[in-house]
């Protein structure tokens, strides 16, 4: 009986079925790893968004408040506010305009600051961009005097923040708010509201954000106005009423009366000595 010997260097290989099973198992493991990585990445992005959103909102609101503080108090200043929609998103516009009178009584623009929200066509995620524009007789940044004029003529609106899904400016009036102001008189304040949260579609076809996901700040227009206040009357050791509030006019007169009496007595004594 003859036996066939194997050729030297020959090894048995894997079958096609075994290779297919190995590929399927590898694909399943890779899919599971990518799924875990994707969930971890989305969770980290959500945490970072929750941490960054209040900071970004506070920074934008602070910049608007600083522009109002710098402009208010000067003569010949007007404030214009209007709100609307841009591709379904709620957006607003604020214009601070200061003018001066020349020698021949002509009105000349001193400075004009504009805050505006517009749809972001350059982003893959639908949203708004908040722009800020400055125009005036002087340069806002003295270090960029040479290049500032060319820069502002080419791009007058500078983007401040992207990813906004709600931007609205309101004027307090009575018990409510109005979304438009064109009067020459200054309003008592401004309420600026913005949000970075995911919007939802309303029954009118526009986009809105839940109230608890909006960040608002009410900014007083005239912070130097006189505020009336009273202090409670203190009680003395015997339980009776103490002295009245020294801020009132009558008490100021009462406090000044003994001093005036002593001054008059000094004048009479000096006259007698003479």
Protein backbone atom coordinates (compact mmCIF):
# COMPACT_ATOMS: atom_id res chain seq x y z
CA UNK A 1 0.00 0.00 0.00
CA UNK A 2 1.45 3.30 -1.02
CA UNK A 3 1.31 6.45 1.08
CA UNK A 4 1.66 9.96 -0.34
CA UNK A 5 3.98 12.24 1.57
CA UNK A 6 3.26 15.94 1.88
CA UNK A 7 5.43 18.29 -0.04
CA UNK A 8 7.89 20.20 2.09
CA UNK A 9 6.79 23.84 2.88
CA UNK A 10 3.07 23.27 2.23
CA UNK A 11 0.55 24.57 4.86
CA UNK A 12 -3.18 24.16 5.05
CA UNK A 13 -5.10 27.53 4.56
CA UNK A 14 -8.43 28.97 5.78
CA UNK A 15 -11.57 28.40 3.90
CA UNK A 16 -13.70 31.18 2.39
CA UNK A 17 -16.38 30.67 5.02
CA UNK A 18 -13.96 31.17 7.86
CA UNK A 19 -12.71 34.43 6.31
CA UNK A 20 -16.26 35.73 5.92
CA UNK A 21 -17.07 34.92 9.56
CA UNK A 22 -13.92 36.77 10.71
CA UNK A 23 -14.85 39.82 8.61
CA UNK A 24 -18.38 39.90 10.03
CA UNK A 25 -17.12 39.63 13.61
CA UNK A 26 -14.56 42.40 13.00
CA UNK A 27 -17.21 44.66 11.47
CA UNK A 28 -19.51 44.10 14.46
CA UNK A 29 -16.72 44.96 16.92
CA UNK A 30 -15.77 48.07 14.92
CA UNK A 31 -19.41 49.20 14.78
CA UNK A 32 -19.74 48.83 18.55
CA UNK A 33 -16.55 50.80 19.16
CA UNK A 34 -17.67 53.61 16.82
CA UNK A 35 -21.08 53.71 18.52
CA UNK A 36 -19.53 54.06 21.98
CA UNK A 37 -17.20 56.78 20.69
CA UNK A 38 -20.07 58.63 19.06
CA UNK A 39 -22.18 58.60 22.23
CA UNK A 40 -19.23 59.77 24.32
CA UNK A 41 -18.49 62.53 21.83
CA UNK A 42 -22.11 63.73 21.82
CA UNK A 43 -22.21 63.67 25.61
CA UNK A 44 -19.04 65.74 25.86
CA UNK A 45 -20.38 68.23 23.30
CA UNK A 46 -23.61 68.57 25.28
CA UNK A 47 -21.70 69.24 28.48
CA UNK A 48 -19.45 71.80 26.79
CA UNK A 49 -22.48 73.48 25.23
CA UNK A 50 -24.16 73.80 28.62
CA UNK A 51 -20.98 75.29 30.06
CA UNK A 52 -20.21 77.66 27.17
CA UNK A 53 -23.73 78.89 26.39
CA UNK A 54 -24.24 81.00 29.56
CA UNK A 55 -20.76 82.48 29.17
CA UNK A 56 -21.30 83.44 25.52
CA UNK A 57 -24.74 84.88 26.28
CA UNK A 58 -23.39 86.93 29.17
CA UNK A 59 -20.51 88.26 27.05
CA UNK A 60 -22.81 89.40 24.22
CA UNK A 61 -25.25 91.03 26.64
CA UNK A 62 -22.38 92.76 28.43
CA UNK A 63 -21.09 94.23 25.16
CA UNK A 64 -24.53 95.65 24.37
CA UNK A 65 -24.79 97.09 27.89
CA UNK A 66 -21.37 98.75 27.56
CA UNK A 67 -22.42 100.43 24.31
CA UNK A 68 -25.55 101.74 26.02
CA UNK A 69 -23.59 103.02 29.03
CA UNK A 70 -21.14 104.84 26.80
CA UNK A 71 -23.81 106.48 24.69
CA UNK A 72 -26.37 107.41 27.34
CA UNK A 73 -25.84 110.75 29.04
CA UNK A 74 -24.76 112.61 25.92
CA UNK A 75 -26.88 115.15 24.12
CA UNK A 76 -28.73 114.49 20.87
CA UNK A 77 -28.90 110.71 21.14
CA UNK A 78 -31.65 108.50 19.73
CA UNK A 79 -32.43 104.80 20.09
CA UNK A 80 -34.20 102.75 17.44
CA UNK A 81 -35.37 99.18 17.95
CA UNK A 82 -37.14 96.81 15.61
CA UNK A 83 -37.71 93.05 15.48
CA UNK A 84 -38.65 90.63 12.75
CA UNK A 85 -37.94 87.22 11.22
CA UNK A 86 -35.10 85.99 9.04
CA UNK A 87 -35.62 82.52 7.55
CA UNK A 88 -38.05 81.79 10.39
CA UNK A 89 -35.69 82.85 13.20
CA UNK A 90 -36.63 85.71 15.53
CA UNK A 91 -34.10 88.52 15.11
CA UNK A 92 -33.79 92.12 16.24
CA UNK A 93 -31.89 95.31 15.55
CA UNK A 94 -30.68 98.11 17.84
CA UNK A 95 -29.32 101.44 16.58
CA UNK A 96 -27.64 103.97 18.90
CA UNK A 97 -27.16 107.27 17.10
CA UNK A 98 -25.41 110.36 18.48
CA UNK A 99 -25.35 113.67 16.65
CA UNK A 100 -23.88 117.12 17.27
CA UNK A 101 -24.70 120.60 16.01
CA UNK A 102 -22.08 122.47 14.03
CA UNK A 103 -21.45 126.20 14.17
CA UNK A 104 -23.93 126.83 11.38
CA UNK A 105 -26.53 124.72 13.27
CA UNK A 106 -26.28 121.70 11.01
CA UNK A 107 -26.69 118.19 12.36
CA UNK A 108 -23.59 116.02 12.03
CA UNK A 109 -23.25 112.34 12.87
CA UNK A 110 -20.93 111.82 15.82
CA UNK A 111 -21.21 108.05 16.11
CA UNK A 112 -23.67 105.30 15.28
CA UNK A 113 -23.56 101.79 16.76
CA UNK A 114 -25.75 99.05 15.28
CA UNK A 115 -26.46 95.59 16.66
CA UNK A 116 -28.20 93.26 14.21
CA UNK A 117 -29.01 89.58 13.91
CA UNK A 118 -29.02 87.96 10.46
CA UNK A 119 -29.29 84.46 9.04
CA UNK A 120 -25.99 82.61 8.78
CA UNK A 121 -25.74 81.41 5.19
CA UNK A 122 -22.14 80.23 5.60
CA UNK A 123 -22.85 77.69 8.34
CA UNK A 124 -24.01 74.10 7.80
CA UNK A 125 -26.23 74.40 10.91
CA UNK A 126 -29.16 76.83 10.53
CA UNK A 127 -28.92 79.81 12.85
CA UNK A 128 -28.21 83.52 13.22
CA UNK A 129 -25.11 85.66 13.41
CA UNK A 130 -25.04 88.76 15.63
CA UNK A 131 -23.23 91.63 13.93
CA UNK A 132 -22.00 94.92 15.34
CA UNK A 133 -21.28 98.02 13.29
CA UNK A 134 -19.62 101.30 14.27
CA UNK A 135 -19.67 104.50 12.24
CA UNK A 136 -18.63 108.02 13.22
CA UNK A 137 -16.28 110.93 12.80
CA UNK A 138 -13.65 109.29 15.00
CA UNK A 139 -12.11 105.85 15.04
CA UNK A 140 -13.19 103.46 17.76
CA UNK A 141 -9.77 101.79 17.98
CA UNK A 142 -7.00 104.38 17.87
CA UNK A 143 -4.39 101.72 17.13
CA UNK A 144 -6.05 100.91 13.80
CA UNK A 145 -6.49 104.43 12.47
CA UNK A 146 -4.60 103.71 9.25
CA UNK A 147 -6.36 100.50 8.26
CA UNK A 148 -9.67 101.05 10.00
CA UNK A 149 -11.26 103.16 7.27
CA UNK A 150 -10.52 100.58 4.58
CA UNK A 151 -11.67 97.71 6.78
CA UNK A 152 -14.95 99.35 7.72
CA UNK A 153 -15.71 100.31 4.12
CA UNK A 154 -15.23 96.70 2.99
CA UNK A 155 -16.94 95.00 5.95
CA UNK A 156 -18.97 97.49 7.99
CA UNK A 157 -20.69 94.76 10.04
CA UNK A 158 -18.33 92.69 12.18
CA UNK A 159 -19.63 89.25 13.33
CA UNK A 160 -19.65 88.96 17.12
CA UNK A 161 -21.20 85.54 17.73
CA UNK A 162 -22.58 82.65 15.65
CA UNK A 163 -25.01 79.86 16.39
CA UNK A 164 -27.76 82.12 17.76
CA UNK A 165 -31.28 80.71 17.42
CA UNK A 166 -33.21 83.55 19.09
CA UNK A 167 -32.37 87.27 19.32
CA UNK A 168 -34.95 89.84 20.39
CA UNK A 169 -34.85 93.39 21.77
CA UNK A 170 -37.89 94.75 23.61
CA UNK A 171 -38.83 98.05 25.23
CA UNK A 172 -40.64 98.06 28.61
CA UNK A 173 -43.89 100.02 28.34
CA UNK A 174 -46.53 99.87 31.03
CA UNK A 175 -47.10 96.30 32.17
CA UNK A 176 -45.75 94.78 28.96
CA UNK A 177 -43.17 95.20 26.22
CA UNK A 178 -43.13 96.60 22.69
CA UNK A 179 -40.89 95.25 19.93
CA UNK A 180 -40.46 98.53 18.04
CA UNK A 181 -39.22 101.98 19.10
CA UNK A 182 -38.79 104.98 16.81
CA UNK A 183 -39.62 107.87 19.17
CA UNK A 184 -37.16 110.70 19.65
CA UNK A 185 -37.52 110.35 23.43
CA UNK A 186 -35.34 107.75 25.07
CA UNK A 187 -36.99 104.60 26.48
CA UNK A 188 -36.62 103.72 30.14
CA UNK A 189 -34.70 100.55 29.34
CA UNK A 190 -34.09 97.64 27.00
CA UNK A 191 -34.69 93.93 27.43
CA UNK A 192 -32.33 91.85 25.29
CA UNK A 193 -33.03 88.13 24.95
CA UNK A 194 -30.99 85.51 23.09
CA UNK A 195 -30.55 81.75 23.00
CA UNK A 196 -28.35 79.03 21.52
CA UNK A 197 -30.83 76.18 22.11
CA UNK A 198 -32.41 74.05 19.40
CA UNK A 199 -35.54 75.80 18.10
CA UNK A 200 -38.95 74.31 17.43
CA UNK A 201 -41.45 75.24 14.74
CA UNK A 202 -44.56 77.13 15.83
CA UNK A 203 -48.04 76.88 14.35
CA UNK A 204 -47.33 80.01 12.31
CA UNK A 205 -44.33 78.38 10.65
CA UNK A 206 -41.72 80.43 12.53
CA UNK A 207 -39.02 79.16 14.88
CA UNK A 208 -38.97 79.73 18.63
CA UNK A 209 -37.08 78.52 21.71
CA UNK A 210 -38.41 77.35 25.06
CA UNK A 211 -38.57 80.08 27.69
CA UNK A 212 -36.26 78.35 30.18
CA UNK A 213 -33.59 78.11 27.45
CA UNK A 214 -33.52 81.86 26.81
CA UNK A 215 -31.12 84.29 28.48
CA UNK A 216 -32.44 87.82 29.10
CA UNK A 217 -31.03 91.00 30.55
CA UNK A 218 -32.85 94.25 31.25
CA UNK A 219 -30.59 97.26 30.79
CA UNK A 220 -31.58 100.66 32.17
CA UNK A 221 -31.11 103.45 29.67
CA UNK A 222 -30.70 106.30 32.19
CA UNK A 223 -28.86 104.95 35.23
CA UNK A 224 -28.14 108.43 36.62
CA UNK A 225 -31.79 109.34 37.22
CA UNK A 226 -32.81 110.41 40.75
CA UNK A 227 -34.26 107.55 42.75
CA UNK A 228 -36.53 108.42 45.68
CA UNK A 229 -35.99 106.39 48.80
CA UNK A 230 -36.95 106.59 52.49
CA UNK A 231 -35.40 105.13 55.61
CA UNK A 232 -37.46 103.73 58.49
CA UNK A 233 -37.57 105.87 61.63
CA UNK A 234 -35.33 104.42 64.32
CA UNK A 235 -36.63 103.78 67.84
CA UNK A 236 -34.78 105.13 70.85
CA UNK A 237 -33.95 103.27 74.06
CA UNK A 238 -37.26 104.28 75.71
CA UNK A 239 -39.27 102.73 72.90
CA UNK A 240 -40.33 106.01 71.35
CA UNK A 241 -39.76 107.28 67.87
CA UNK A 242 -36.27 108.43 67.15
CA UNK A 243 -35.14 111.09 64.74
CA UNK A 244 -36.63 111.18 61.27
CA UNK A 245 -34.82 110.33 58.09
CA UNK A 246 -32.05 112.92 57.60
CA UNK A 247 -32.53 112.64 53.82
CA UNK A 248 -35.84 114.50 53.93
CA UNK A 249 -35.91 118.25 53.37
CA UNK A 250 -37.70 119.10 56.62
CA UNK A 251 -35.19 117.24 58.74
CA UNK A 252 -32.30 118.85 56.91
CA UNK A 253 -33.76 122.27 57.76
CA UNK A 254 -34.23 121.20 61.37
CA UNK A 255 -30.65 120.00 61.56
CA UNK A 256 -29.35 123.22 59.99
CA UNK A 257 -31.40 125.51 62.30
CA UNK A 258 -29.19 125.18 65.44
CA UNK A 259 -26.09 125.77 63.34
CA UNK A 260 -27.63 128.91 61.81
CA UNK A 261 -28.61 130.13 65.29
CA UNK A 262 -25.05 129.71 66.57
CA UNK A 263 -23.71 131.54 63.53
CA UNK A 264 -26.05 134.49 64.14
CA UNK A 265 -25.07 134.63 67.84
CA UNK A 266 -21.39 134.81 66.89
CA UNK A 267 -22.12 137.68 64.54
CA UNK A 268 -24.04 139.59 67.29
CA UNK A 269 -21.21 139.13 69.82
CA UNK A 270 -18.59 140.30 67.34
CA UNK A 271 -20.73 143.39 66.56
CA UNK A 272 -21.04 144.26 70.30
CA UNK A 273 -17.29 143.98 70.79
CA UNK A 274 -16.73 146.47 68.03
